[in-house]
């Protein structure tokens, strides 16, 4: 959801935990697993999430109502805040050094400058070593993805191996050699980090993090690196790609807003 939304200059919404998009008197709420995945092909059951593409926050609210994703007891104490009342934690993640393009570095600075000029509190947030080695091609999230995919693509592998991409074939054949014991260990390690991320995110109105390394790649062979996004997917945090920036070629680049699980994220 996040990558294509960034590349297309639109909103991309992953309701993986709880997120509220408030406008006037209405609040919409999403939880991890709120939208039934029946009818969609499952790859990694711990990570796959149904989300929305939209032109605006209002459109996301509209689609949320279609799926009956509403807060049954909206908090009366929660009211929209002005930007000057908000605090923003900018999180590069450990993927920054290997992935961030000059375009991304430029808009990162632009976003901080815009918020600072609007009176917001802006801080760079270092997640620390406990959140390292999660994302990336050899991280624990890649292990989790491939080990869970092995089960879920077995049918396709058996009846149409010749039609599958080589990467998918490697998943089906357990190219990493991941044992069930190792899968359980990775699942447990990631689960212990979710409340720790909630604590970090709870210190800010919202976290801001990269959606993508830069502008969309050329051609049809590659959809771009997922490694800025995979951390938040694994942690089950709500994510929204916010458009508004562009790279050196004039193509869109967005940034992602992230909140803690089961904490309302508001927009005035």
Protein backbone atom coordinates (compact mmCIF):
# COMPACT_ATOMS: atom_id res chain seq x y z
CA UNK A 1 0.00 0.00 0.00
CA UNK A 2 2.63 2.52 1.04
CA UNK A 3 5.08 2.15 -1.85
CA UNK A 4 2.61 2.46 -4.74
CA UNK A 5 0.83 5.31 -2.96
CA UNK A 6 4.12 7.17 -2.64
CA UNK A 7 5.05 6.54 -6.27
CA UNK A 8 1.63 7.73 -7.47
CA UNK A 9 1.38 10.81 -5.25
CA UNK A 10 -1.73 9.66 -3.36
CA UNK A 11 -2.71 8.59 0.14
CA UNK A 12 -2.10 4.96 1.07
CA UNK A 13 -3.67 3.70 4.28
CA UNK A 14 -2.75 0.49 6.11
CA UNK A 15 -5.07 0.01 9.10
CA UNK A 16 -2.86 -2.49 10.81
CA UNK A 17 -3.67 -1.49 14.37
CA UNK A 18 -5.79 1.43 15.46
CA UNK A 19 -5.85 4.72 13.68
CA UNK A 20 -8.40 7.51 13.83
CA UNK A 21 -8.82 10.06 11.07
CA UNK A 22 -10.81 12.83 12.70
CA UNK A 23 -12.66 15.46 10.77
CA UNK A 24 -15.11 17.68 12.64
CA UNK A 25 -17.32 15.39 14.75
CA UNK A 26 -16.54 12.09 13.05
CA UNK A 27 -13.81 9.59 13.89
CA UNK A 28 -13.02 6.39 12.04
CA UNK A 29 -11.13 3.59 13.73
CA UNK A 30 -9.19 0.59 12.41
CA UNK A 31 -7.70 -2.41 14.17
CA UNK A 32 -5.25 -5.07 13.05
CA UNK A 33 -7.36 -7.71 11.36
CA UNK A 34 -10.46 -5.54 11.19
CA UNK A 35 -10.91 -6.03 7.45
CA UNK A 36 -11.49 -9.66 6.52
CA UNK A 37 -8.86 -11.04 4.14
CA UNK A 38 -11.18 -13.63 2.58
CA UNK A 39 -10.82 -13.51 -1.19
CA UNK A 40 -7.27 -12.21 -1.12
CA UNK A 41 -4.24 -14.42 -1.64
CA UNK A 42 -2.34 -14.80 1.62
CA UNK A 43 1.45 -14.67 1.49
CA UNK A 44 2.64 -14.05 5.06
CA UNK A 45 -0.23 -14.28 7.50
CA UNK A 46 1.54 -12.21 10.16
CA UNK A 47 2.06 -9.32 7.74
CA UNK A 48 -0.60 -9.22 5.02
CA UNK A 49 -2.98 -6.29 5.45
CA UNK A 50 -5.92 -4.95 3.46
CA UNK A 51 -5.62 -1.20 2.93
CA UNK A 52 -6.91 1.69 0.85
CA UNK A 53 -5.67 4.07 -1.82
CA UNK A 54 -7.35 7.47 -1.69
CA UNK A 55 -7.18 11.08 -2.88
CA UNK A 56 -7.75 12.54 0.58
CA UNK A 57 -8.31 11.82 4.26
CA UNK A 58 -12.04 12.36 3.65
CA UNK A 59 -12.03 9.57 1.08
CA UNK A 60 -10.29 7.24 3.53
CA UNK A 61 -13.02 8.00 6.06
CA UNK A 62 -15.65 7.24 3.43
CA UNK A 63 -14.13 3.86 2.57
CA UNK A 64 -13.73 3.07 6.27
CA UNK A 65 -17.46 3.54 6.77
CA UNK A 66 -18.15 1.12 3.90
CA UNK A 67 -16.20 -1.53 5.83
CA UNK A 68 -17.96 -0.58 9.08
CA UNK A 69 -14.68 0.50 10.61
CA UNK A 70 -15.92 2.94 13.22
CA UNK A 71 -15.10 3.69 16.82
CA UNK A 72 -18.04 2.39 18.89
CA UNK A 73 -17.17 4.80 21.72
CA UNK A 74 -15.36 7.88 20.41
CA UNK A 75 -13.45 9.74 23.08
CA UNK A 76 -15.16 13.00 23.93
CA UNK A 77 -11.86 14.37 25.21
CA UNK A 78 -10.14 13.93 21.86
CA UNK A 79 -10.28 17.03 19.72
CA UNK A 80 -8.29 18.12 16.67
CA UNK A 81 -5.03 19.90 17.42
CA UNK A 82 -3.28 22.60 15.51
CA UNK A 83 0.15 21.79 14.10
CA UNK A 84 1.77 24.06 16.70
CA UNK A 85 0.37 21.84 19.46
CA UNK A 86 1.82 18.66 17.97
CA UNK A 87 5.14 16.89 18.30
CA UNK A 88 6.67 14.86 15.48
CA UNK A 89 9.31 12.17 15.83
CA UNK A 90 11.31 11.62 12.63
CA UNK A 91 12.48 8.00 12.40
CA UNK A 92 15.03 7.13 9.73
CA UNK A 93 15.34 3.44 10.81
CA UNK A 94 18.52 1.42 10.32
CA UNK A 95 17.78 1.19 6.58
CA UNK A 96 18.57 4.87 5.99
CA UNK A 97 22.28 4.60 5.23
CA UNK A 98 21.84 1.83 2.65
CA UNK A 99 18.61 3.02 1.00
CA UNK A 100 18.03 6.77 1.27
CA UNK A 101 18.49 8.66 -2.01
CA UNK A 102 19.47 12.31 -2.25
CA UNK A 103 15.84 13.06 -3.14
CA UNK A 104 14.64 11.45 0.07
CA UNK A 105 17.27 13.28 2.12
CA UNK A 106 16.10 16.57 0.62
CA UNK A 107 12.40 16.05 1.37
CA UNK A 108 13.28 14.80 4.85
CA UNK A 109 14.80 18.20 5.55
CA UNK A 110 11.94 20.01 3.81
CA UNK A 111 9.35 18.25 5.97
CA UNK A 112 11.17 19.13 9.18
CA UNK A 113 11.53 22.75 8.10
CA UNK A 114 7.84 23.04 7.20
CA UNK A 115 6.70 21.65 10.55
CA UNK A 116 9.18 23.73 12.52
CA UNK A 117 8.04 26.91 10.77
CA UNK A 118 4.45 25.99 11.62
CA UNK A 119 5.40 25.89 15.29
CA UNK A 120 5.52 22.12 15.79
CA UNK A 121 8.02 20.31 17.96
CA UNK A 122 10.30 18.20 15.75
CA UNK A 123 12.83 15.60 16.91
CA UNK A 124 14.95 12.94 15.27
CA UNK A 125 14.28 9.58 16.95
CA UNK A 126 16.87 6.81 17.19
CA UNK A 127 15.11 3.51 17.81
CA UNK A 128 18.24 1.91 19.18
CA UNK A 129 19.87 -1.48 18.57
CA UNK A 130 16.83 -3.53 19.56
CA UNK A 131 15.09 -2.47 16.32
CA UNK A 132 18.07 -3.18 14.09
CA UNK A 133 18.36 -6.22 11.83
CA UNK A 134 14.59 -6.43 11.43
CA UNK A 135 14.11 -4.98 7.95
CA UNK A 136 16.44 -5.44 5.01
CA UNK A 137 16.97 -8.38 2.65
CA UNK A 138 18.60 -10.48 5.38
CA UNK A 139 16.58 -9.24 8.34
CA UNK A 140 14.21 -11.14 10.57
CA UNK A 141 11.16 -9.78 8.75
CA UNK A 142 12.43 -11.29 5.48
CA UNK A 143 12.85 -14.60 7.32
CA UNK A 144 9.30 -14.33 8.64
CA UNK A 145 7.88 -13.45 5.22
CA UNK A 146 9.54 -16.31 3.41
CA UNK A 147 8.88 -18.93 6.06
CA UNK A 148 5.17 -18.10 6.20
CA UNK A 149 4.97 -17.83 2.41
CA UNK A 150 6.33 -21.37 2.10
CA UNK A 151 3.05 -22.68 3.48
CA UNK A 152 0.75 -20.31 1.64
CA UNK A 153 2.15 -20.72 -1.88
CA UNK A 154 2.49 -24.50 -1.73
CA UNK A 155 -0.54 -25.08 -3.97
CA UNK A 156 0.69 -22.70 -6.68
CA UNK A 157 4.16 -24.22 -6.50
CA UNK A 158 2.86 -27.75 -7.00
CA UNK A 159 0.53 -27.04 -9.89
CA UNK A 160 2.41 -24.25 -11.71
CA UNK A 161 6.02 -23.98 -10.66
CA UNK A 162 7.04 -23.07 -14.22
CA UNK A 163 4.85 -19.94 -14.03
CA UNK A 164 6.32 -18.63 -10.77
CA UNK A 165 9.04 -16.06 -10.27
CA UNK A 166 12.37 -17.46 -9.10
CA UNK A 167 12.06 -15.65 -5.78
CA UNK A 168 8.68 -17.25 -5.10
CA UNK A 169 10.10 -20.65 -6.01
CA UNK A 170 12.87 -20.08 -3.48
CA UNK A 171 10.27 -19.34 -0.81
CA UNK A 172 8.36 -22.52 -1.63
CA UNK A 173 11.55 -24.56 -1.48
CA UNK A 174 12.66 -22.88 1.77
CA UNK A 175 15.77 -21.45 0.21
CA UNK A 176 16.91 -20.00 3.53
CA UNK A 177 16.54 -23.34 5.28
CA UNK A 178 14.43 -21.77 8.04
CA UNK A 179 13.28 -24.32 10.61
CA UNK A 180 9.92 -24.17 12.39
CA UNK A 181 11.80 -23.52 15.60
CA UNK A 182 13.56 -20.54 14.02
CA UNK A 183 10.25 -19.21 12.67
CA UNK A 184 8.75 -19.36 16.15
CA UNK A 185 11.79 -17.55 17.56
CA UNK A 186 11.50 -14.74 15.00
CA UNK A 187 7.75 -14.40 15.58
CA UNK A 188 8.32 -14.12 19.34
CA UNK A 189 11.19 -11.63 18.99
CA UNK A 190 9.10 -9.32 16.81
CA UNK A 191 6.11 -9.64 19.14
CA UNK A 192 8.18 -8.41 22.10
CA UNK A 193 9.09 -5.25 20.16
CA UNK A 194 5.49 -4.17 19.51
CA UNK A 195 4.79 -2.78 22.99
CA UNK A 196 8.24 -1.18 23.00
CA UNK A 197 7.37 0.66 19.78
CA UNK A 198 4.05 1.70 21.33
CA UNK A 199 6.00 3.32 24.16
CA UNK A 200 8.27 5.20 21.76
CA UNK A 201 5.42 6.36 19.52
CA UNK A 202 3.37 7.39 22.54
CA UNK A 203 5.83 10.18 23.28
CA UNK A 204 4.81 12.01 20.08
CA UNK A 205 1.67 13.08 18.28
CA UNK A 206 2.88 10.94 15.39
CA UNK A 207 6.05 9.42 14.00
CA UNK A 208 7.23 10.33 10.49
CA UNK A 209 9.30 7.82 8.53
CA UNK A 210 10.28 7.22 4.89
CA UNK A 211 7.76 5.55 2.60
CA UNK A 212 10.29 4.69 -0.11
CA UNK A 213 13.99 5.29 -0.88
CA UNK A 214 13.16 7.77 -3.64
CA UNK A 215 11.23 8.12 -6.89
CA UNK A 216 9.61 5.14 -8.57
CA UNK A 217 12.04 2.80 -10.38
CA UNK A 218 11.81 2.68 -14.17
CA UNK A 219 10.35 -0.35 -15.94
CA UNK A 220 8.08 -3.19 -14.85
CA UNK A 221 10.66 -5.53 -13.38
CA UNK A 222 10.87 -4.04 -9.89
CA UNK A 223 8.39 -2.34 -7.59
CA UNK A 224 11.04 -0.78 -5.39
CA UNK A 225 12.50 -1.71 -2.03
CA UNK A 226 9.96 -2.58 0.69
CA UNK A 227 12.45 -2.28 3.53
CA UNK A 228 11.40 1.14 4.81
CA UNK A 229 7.83 -0.18 5.13
CA UNK A 230 8.33 -3.71 6.41
CA UNK A 231 9.29 -2.65 9.94
CA UNK A 232 5.92 -1.00 10.54
CA UNK A 233 4.00 -3.84 8.94
CA UNK A 234 5.66 -6.37 11.24
CA UNK A 235 5.04 -4.18 14.29
CA UNK A 236 1.33 -3.93 13.35
CA UNK A 237 1.37 -0.15 13.52
CA UNK A 238 -1.07 1.97 11.48
CA UNK A 239 0.55 3.72 8.53
CA UNK A 240 -0.50 6.40 6.07
CA UNK A 241 1.55 7.60 3.14
CA UNK A 242 1.12 11.37 2.85
CA UNK A 243 1.86 12.84 -0.60
CA UNK A 244 3.18 16.31 -1.30
CA UNK A 245 6.84 16.05 -2.27
CA UNK A 246 8.70 15.32 -5.48
CA UNK A 247 12.14 14.14 -6.50
CA UNK A 248 14.65 15.52 -8.98
CA UNK A 249 12.71 14.10 -11.95
CA UNK A 250 9.45 15.59 -10.74
CA UNK A 251 8.02 12.23 -9.67
CA UNK A 252 6.10 11.95 -6.38
CA UNK A 253 7.69 10.90 -3.11
CA UNK A 254 5.66 10.62 0.08
CA UNK A 255 6.38 10.27 3.76
CA UNK A 256 4.66 7.89 6.16
CA UNK A 257 2.85 8.75 9.37
CA UNK A 258 2.98 6.02 12.02
CA UNK A 259 1.23 5.77 15.37
CA UNK A 260 1.28 3.26 18.23
CA UNK A 261 -1.14 0.35 18.27
CA UNK A 262 -4.50 1.12 19.84
CA UNK A 263 -3.70 4.81 20.13
CA UNK A 264 -5.86 7.29 18.23
CA UNK A 265 -4.11 9.27 15.51
CA UNK A 266 -5.96 12.49 14.74
CA UNK A 267 -6.08 14.98 11.94
CA UNK A 268 -7.75 18.32 12.40
